[in-house]
Amino acid sequence: MELNDRVVVVTGAGSGIGEAIARAAHGAGARHVVVADLDGAQAERVASEIGGTPVAIDVRDEAAIVAMVESTLDAHGPIDLFVSNAGFVTAAGVEDGNEAIQTMWEVHCMAHIYAARAVLPSMIARGEGYLLNTASAAGLLTQIGSMAYSMTKAAAISLAEWLAITHHHQGIRVSVLCPQAVATNIVANSPDNRAAREATADDAAGAFEGGVASGDGVLDPADVAAMCLEALRDERFLILPHPEVATYVERKAADRDRWLAGMRRFQSALYPDGDLPGDAITPEV
């Protein structure tokens, strides 16, 4: 899909990858870009700079997704590309609270379902449309220290695969974005850091972004957006901004036990002087 004269909706577009995709779509000649974000002020900022429509939205709210899709159809015509991009990260294992896990599930998986449910009927009716869902390399591999992030991103990839199989004959194309570290505020905006901003935010950001995900480099969001537009043109399902991830996935598939042993060694290397993530649930003696 080429984006010239297309209508594009991007969630999580107030910063980071979402903002970069919104700007790239505008630069590629999109007729209109809807800039949706939980932070309404940031959505306003980006939309004002590209002549788009800002929408303050919580992607966990299906009714709000439906309303955004319907208002866009009414004002600008058929939606050609829906980029379901909103996300966040936390550090916790099985000790994490049910509410926190549920919130991440709703943002990383249910939001993609809500978007597809809202936009697919009009796309199918005219025989074309594109869904671009942001997941993570963590969904293909894992995210050391974050159970909920790992499993919800894996679910997002499975959902994208299902959509790509099920609706291809109706003219629907699907891509899933699976980056490692990108220079965004995903760590700074983590509920973990908001809860303990003064004392531990810098340390948490370093442990998560510097230690776990950035071994193969930290990419600029604009470069990731350019890769996404290239994938859309090629109708390529899996978008890997860090090409090394393909090799890691192959190794995981070839010998799961060897891969697990390697990941355990990597985990120990990330936490040489302190408790490992699993120790959070160890009973006190």
Protein backbone atom coordinates (compact mmCIF):
# COMPACT_ATOMS: atom_id res chain seq x y z
CA MET A 1 0.00 0.00 0.00
CA GLU A 2 1.17 3.46 -0.92
CA LEU A 3 -0.10 6.17 1.44
CA ASN A 4 -0.62 8.95 -1.08
CA ASP A 5 -4.21 10.21 -0.82
CA ARG A 6 -4.98 7.68 1.94
CA VAL A 7 -6.74 8.13 5.27
CA VAL A 8 -4.65 6.91 8.19
CA VAL A 9 -5.44 6.46 11.89
CA VAL A 10 -2.59 6.04 14.37
CA THR A 11 -2.97 5.31 18.08
CA GLY A 12 -0.20 6.07 20.53
CA ALA A 13 0.67 8.85 18.09
CA GLY A 14 1.50 11.55 20.63
CA SER A 15 5.12 10.45 20.85
CA GLY A 16 7.66 7.84 19.83
CA ILE A 17 6.96 5.35 17.06
CA GLY A 18 3.33 6.41 16.69
CA GLU A 19 4.24 10.05 16.22
CA ALA A 20 6.91 9.09 13.71
CA ILE A 21 4.45 6.97 11.71
CA ALA A 22 1.89 9.78 11.72
CA ARG A 23 4.51 12.22 10.44
CA ALA A 24 5.78 9.72 7.87
CA ALA A 25 2.24 9.10 6.60
CA HIS A 26 1.72 12.83 6.21
CA GLY A 27 5.05 13.13 4.43
CA ALA A 28 4.06 10.30 2.08
CA GLY A 29 1.02 12.26 0.95
CA ALA A 30 -1.75 10.85 3.15
CA ARG A 31 -4.98 12.76 2.60
CA HIS A 32 -5.65 12.87 6.33
CA VAL A 33 -4.05 11.49 9.50
CA VAL A 34 -5.92 10.97 12.75
CA VAL A 35 -3.52 11.37 15.68
CA ALA A 36 -4.85 9.46 18.68
CA ASP A 37 -3.20 9.27 22.08
CA LEU A 38 -4.01 8.89 25.75
CA ASP A 39 -2.27 12.24 26.24
CA GLY A 40 -4.61 14.62 24.47
CA ALA A 41 -2.16 17.53 24.60
CA GLN A 42 0.48 15.52 22.77
CA ALA A 43 -2.07 14.40 20.20
CA GLU A 44 -2.97 18.07 19.67
CA ARG A 45 0.70 18.99 19.26
CA VAL A 46 1.40 16.39 16.59
CA ALA A 47 -1.90 16.89 14.75
CA SER A 48 -1.43 20.67 14.60
CA GLU A 49 1.97 20.20 12.96
CA ILE A 50 0.73 17.84 10.23
CA GLY A 51 -2.79 19.15 9.68
CA GLY A 52 -4.38 16.09 11.22
CA THR A 53 -7.21 15.43 13.64
CA PRO A 54 -6.28 14.94 17.31
CA VAL A 55 -8.17 12.42 19.42
CA ALA A 56 -7.65 11.92 23.14
CA ILE A 57 -8.40 8.24 23.68
CA ASP A 58 -7.87 5.32 26.02
CA VAL A 59 -7.52 2.35 23.67
CA ARG A 60 -8.95 0.06 26.36
CA ASP A 61 -12.32 1.72 25.72
CA GLU A 62 -13.94 -0.10 22.80
CA ALA A 63 -16.75 2.44 22.52
CA ALA A 64 -14.18 5.21 22.12
CA ILE A 65 -12.43 3.27 19.36
CA VAL A 66 -15.74 2.77 17.57
CA ALA A 67 -16.60 6.45 17.93
CA MET A 68 -13.21 7.49 16.52
CA VAL A 69 -13.60 5.17 13.53
CA GLU A 70 -17.15 6.34 12.83
CA SER A 71 -16.27 10.03 13.11
CA THR A 72 -13.30 9.53 10.77
CA LEU A 73 -15.46 7.72 8.21
CA ASP A 74 -18.01 10.53 8.37
CA ALA A 75 -15.48 13.34 8.08
CA HIS A 76 -12.81 11.92 5.79
CA GLY A 77 -14.15 8.81 4.09
CA PRO A 78 -12.82 5.25 4.19
CA ILE A 79 -9.93 4.46 6.52
CA ASP A 80 -7.16 2.87 4.47
CA LEU A 81 -4.62 2.19 7.24
CA PHE A 82 -5.23 1.70 10.94
CA VAL A 83 -2.04 1.68 13.01
CA SER A 84 -2.73 0.16 16.44
CA ASN A 85 0.40 1.25 18.25
CA ALA A 86 -0.34 2.25 21.85
CA GLY A 87 1.68 0.41 24.49
CA PHE A 88 3.66 0.56 27.71
CA VAL A 89 6.09 -1.54 29.73
CA THR A 90 6.43 -2.65 33.34
CA ALA A 91 8.86 -4.80 35.29
CA ALA A 92 7.20 -7.62 37.25
CA GLY A 93 6.64 -11.37 37.27
CA VAL A 94 3.91 -13.61 38.63
CA GLU A 95 3.79 -11.42 41.72
CA ASP A 96 2.29 -8.63 39.61
CA GLY A 97 -1.27 -7.68 40.52
CA ASN A 98 -4.20 -8.89 38.45
CA GLU A 99 -5.31 -5.35 37.69
CA ALA A 100 -1.89 -4.41 36.30
CA ILE A 101 -1.75 -7.54 34.15
CA GLN A 102 -5.29 -6.95 32.90
CA THR A 103 -4.48 -3.36 31.96
CA MET A 104 -1.51 -4.45 29.86
CA TRP A 105 -3.62 -7.18 28.24
CA GLU A 106 -6.24 -4.64 27.27
CA VAL A 107 -3.72 -2.18 25.81
CA HIS A 108 -1.51 -4.69 24.00
CA CYS A 109 -4.10 -7.16 22.76
CA MET A 110 -7.73 -6.15 23.23
CA ALA A 111 -7.06 -2.73 21.70
CA HIS A 112 -5.96 -4.45 18.47
CA ILE A 113 -9.16 -6.50 18.54
CA TYR A 114 -11.29 -3.41 19.14
CA ALA A 115 -9.60 -1.63 16.24
CA ALA A 116 -10.06 -4.56 13.86
CA ARG A 117 -13.67 -5.05 14.93
CA ALA A 118 -14.43 -1.38 14.33
CA VAL A 119 -12.63 -0.82 11.04
CA LEU A 120 -12.77 -4.15 9.20
CA PRO A 121 -16.43 -3.99 8.08
CA SER A 122 -15.90 -0.82 6.04
CA MET A 123 -12.58 -2.10 4.69
CA ILE A 124 -14.09 -5.43 3.66
CA ALA A 125 -17.06 -3.69 2.05
CA ARG A 126 -14.78 -1.94 -0.42
CA GLY A 127 -12.33 -4.82 -0.77
CA GLU A 128 -9.18 -3.29 0.69
CA GLY A 129 -7.61 -2.04 3.91
CA TYR A 130 -4.47 -2.36 5.99
CA LEU A 131 -3.87 -3.05 9.69
CA LEU A 132 -0.45 -2.28 11.15
CA ASN A 133 -0.16 -3.51 14.73
CA THR A 134 2.79 -2.73 16.97
CA ALA A 135 4.04 -5.65 19.03
CA SER A 136 7.68 -6.18 20.03
CA ALA A 137 10.64 -8.48 19.59
CA ALA A 138 9.69 -9.50 23.14
CA GLY A 139 6.65 -11.21 21.66
CA LEU A 140 8.85 -13.34 19.43
CA LEU A 141 11.43 -13.98 22.13
CA THR A 142 10.75 -12.72 25.66
CA GLN A 143 11.35 -9.69 27.86
CA ILE A 144 13.50 -10.54 30.84
CA GLY A 145 11.92 -9.07 33.96
CA SER A 146 8.47 -8.45 32.50
CA MET A 147 6.03 -11.34 32.38
CA ALA A 148 2.99 -9.31 31.29
CA TYR A 149 4.86 -7.46 28.55
CA SER A 150 6.23 -10.72 27.14
CA MET A 151 2.96 -12.61 27.07
CA THR A 152 0.77 -9.75 25.80
CA LYS A 153 3.17 -8.94 22.99
CA ALA A 154 3.25 -12.62 22.04
CA ALA A 155 -0.55 -12.57 21.97
CA ALA A 156 -0.49 -9.47 19.76
CA ILE A 157 1.66 -11.29 17.21
CA SER A 158 -0.63 -14.33 17.26
CA LEU A 159 -3.63 -12.07 16.71
CA ALA A 160 -1.94 -10.34 13.76
CA GLU A 161 -1.14 -13.72 12.22
CA TRP A 162 -4.76 -14.81 12.61
CA LEU A 163 -6.05 -11.62 11.02
CA ALA A 164 -3.60 -11.97 8.11
CA ILE A 165 -4.80 -15.51 7.43
CA THR A 166 -8.51 -14.99 8.01
CA HIS A 167 -9.14 -11.76 6.09
CA HIS A 168 -6.60 -11.87 3.25
CA HIS A 169 -9.19 -13.05 0.71
CA GLN A 170 -11.27 -9.96 1.52
CA GLY A 171 -8.47 -7.60 0.50
CA ILE A 172 -7.18 -7.00 4.02
CA ARG A 173 -3.44 -6.82 4.57
CA VAL A 174 -1.74 -7.00 7.96
CA SER A 175 1.73 -6.19 9.23
CA VAL A 176 3.12 -6.50 12.74
CA LEU A 177 5.99 -4.35 14.01
CA CYS A 178 8.46 -6.12 16.33
CA PRO A 179 11.32 -3.81 17.30
CA GLN A 180 13.85 -4.06 20.08
CA ALA A 181 15.01 -0.76 21.62
CA VAL A 182 13.74 2.45 20.05
CA ALA A 183 14.42 5.95 21.41
CA THR A 184 10.96 6.60 22.83
CA ASN A 185 9.48 7.49 26.22
CA ILE A 186 7.98 4.03 26.79
CA VAL A 187 10.18 3.50 29.85
CA ALA A 188 9.75 7.01 31.24
CA ASN A 189 5.98 6.61 30.93
CA SER A 190 5.93 3.21 32.62
CA PRO A 191 3.64 3.00 35.65
CA ASP A 192 6.70 1.67 37.48
CA ASN A 193 8.51 4.95 36.97
CA ARG A 194 5.48 7.12 37.62
CA ALA A 195 5.09 5.41 40.97
CA ALA A 196 8.68 5.99 42.00
CA ARG A 197 9.82 8.85 39.82
CA GLU A 198 12.20 10.60 42.16
CA ALA A 199 14.36 7.76 43.38
CA THR A 200 14.37 5.02 40.82
CA ALA A 201 13.22 6.18 37.37
CA ASP A 202 16.73 6.56 35.94
CA ASP A 203 17.80 3.19 37.30
CA ALA A 204 14.70 1.45 35.98
CA ALA A 205 15.12 3.00 32.55
CA GLY A 206 18.71 1.88 32.41
CA ALA A 207 17.89 -1.67 33.45
CA PHE A 208 15.05 -2.03 30.99
CA GLU A 209 16.10 -0.11 27.91
CA GLY A 210 19.83 -0.20 28.26
CA GLY A 211 20.17 -3.73 29.54
CA VAL A 212 17.42 -5.87 28.08
CA ALA A 213 16.57 -4.44 24.70
CA SER A 214 19.41 -2.25 23.45
CA GLY A 215 22.18 -4.75 22.83
CA ASP A 216 21.59 -4.47 19.08
CA GLY A 217 21.29 -0.69 19.13
CA VAL A 218 18.67 1.94 19.91
CA LEU A 219 16.89 3.12 16.77
CA ASP A 220 15.40 6.49 15.97
CA PRO A 221 11.59 6.39 15.68
CA ALA A 222 11.76 8.10 12.27
CA ASP A 223 13.89 5.26 10.93
CA VAL A 224 11.41 2.70 12.28
CA ALA A 225 8.54 4.59 10.64
CA ALA A 226 10.37 4.55 7.31
CA MET A 227 10.78 0.78 7.63
CA CYS A 228 7.06 0.48 8.29
CA LEU A 229 6.15 2.40 5.15
CA GLU A 230 8.50 0.21 3.14
CA ALA A 231 6.84 -2.90 4.58
CA LEU A 232 3.41 -1.52 3.69
CA ARG A 233 4.52 -1.04 0.10
CA ASP A 234 5.80 -4.63 0.02
CA GLU A 235 2.80 -6.00 1.96
CA ARG A 236 5.32 -7.70 4.26
CA PHE A 237 3.83 -9.18 7.43
CA LEU A 238 6.76 -9.16 9.86
CA ILE A 239 8.63 -5.88 10.35
CA LEU A 240 11.96 -6.36 12.15
CA PRO A 241 13.78 -3.04 12.52
CA HIS A 242 16.58 -4.99 14.24
CA PRO A 243 17.42 -7.72 11.69
CA GLU A 244 19.31 -9.70 14.35
CA VAL A 245 15.94 -10.69 15.80
CA ALA A 246 15.32 -13.01 12.83
CA THR A 247 18.43 -14.98 13.78
CA TYR A 248 17.37 -15.17 17.42
CA VAL A 249 13.96 -16.49 16.41
CA GLU A 250 15.55 -19.13 14.21
CA ARG A 251 17.79 -20.26 17.05
CA LYS A 252 14.85 -20.41 19.43
CA ALA A 253 12.87 -22.54 17.00
CA ALA A 254 15.80 -24.85 16.27
CA ASP A 255 16.62 -25.72 19.88
CA ARG A 256 14.29 -24.34 22.54
CA ASP A 257 16.24 -25.77 25.48
CA ARG A 258 19.52 -24.30 24.29
CA TRP A 259 17.80 -20.95 23.78
CA LEU A 260 16.34 -21.05 27.30
CA ALA A 261 19.76 -21.81 28.76
CA GLY A 262 21.21 -18.86 26.87
CA MET A 263 18.47 -16.55 28.10
CA ARG A 264 19.12 -17.63 31.69
CA ARG A 265 22.79 -16.73 31.24
CA PHE A 266 21.76 -13.39 29.77
CA GLN A 267 19.46 -12.73 32.73
CA SER A 268 22.29 -13.43 35.17
CA ALA A 269 24.55 -11.05 33.26
CA LEU A 270 21.94 -8.30 33.45
CA TYR A 271 21.69 -8.59 37.24
CA PRO A 272 25.26 -9.37 38.39
CA ASP A 273 25.03 -7.64 41.76
CA GLY A 274 21.44 -8.07 42.81
CA ASP A 275 18.41 -10.31 42.96
CA LEU A 276 17.14 -11.89 39.78
CA PRO A 277 13.60 -10.98 38.65
CA GLY A 278 12.14 -14.25 39.95
CA ASP A 279 13.46 -13.57 43.45
CA ALA A 280 10.69 -11.03 44.02
CA ILE A 281 8.37 -13.86 45.01
CA THR A 282 10.86 -15.71 47.18
CA PRO A 283 9.51 -16.12 50.75
CA GLU A 284 11.38 -14.30 53.47
CA VAL A 285 13.30 -16.61 55.81
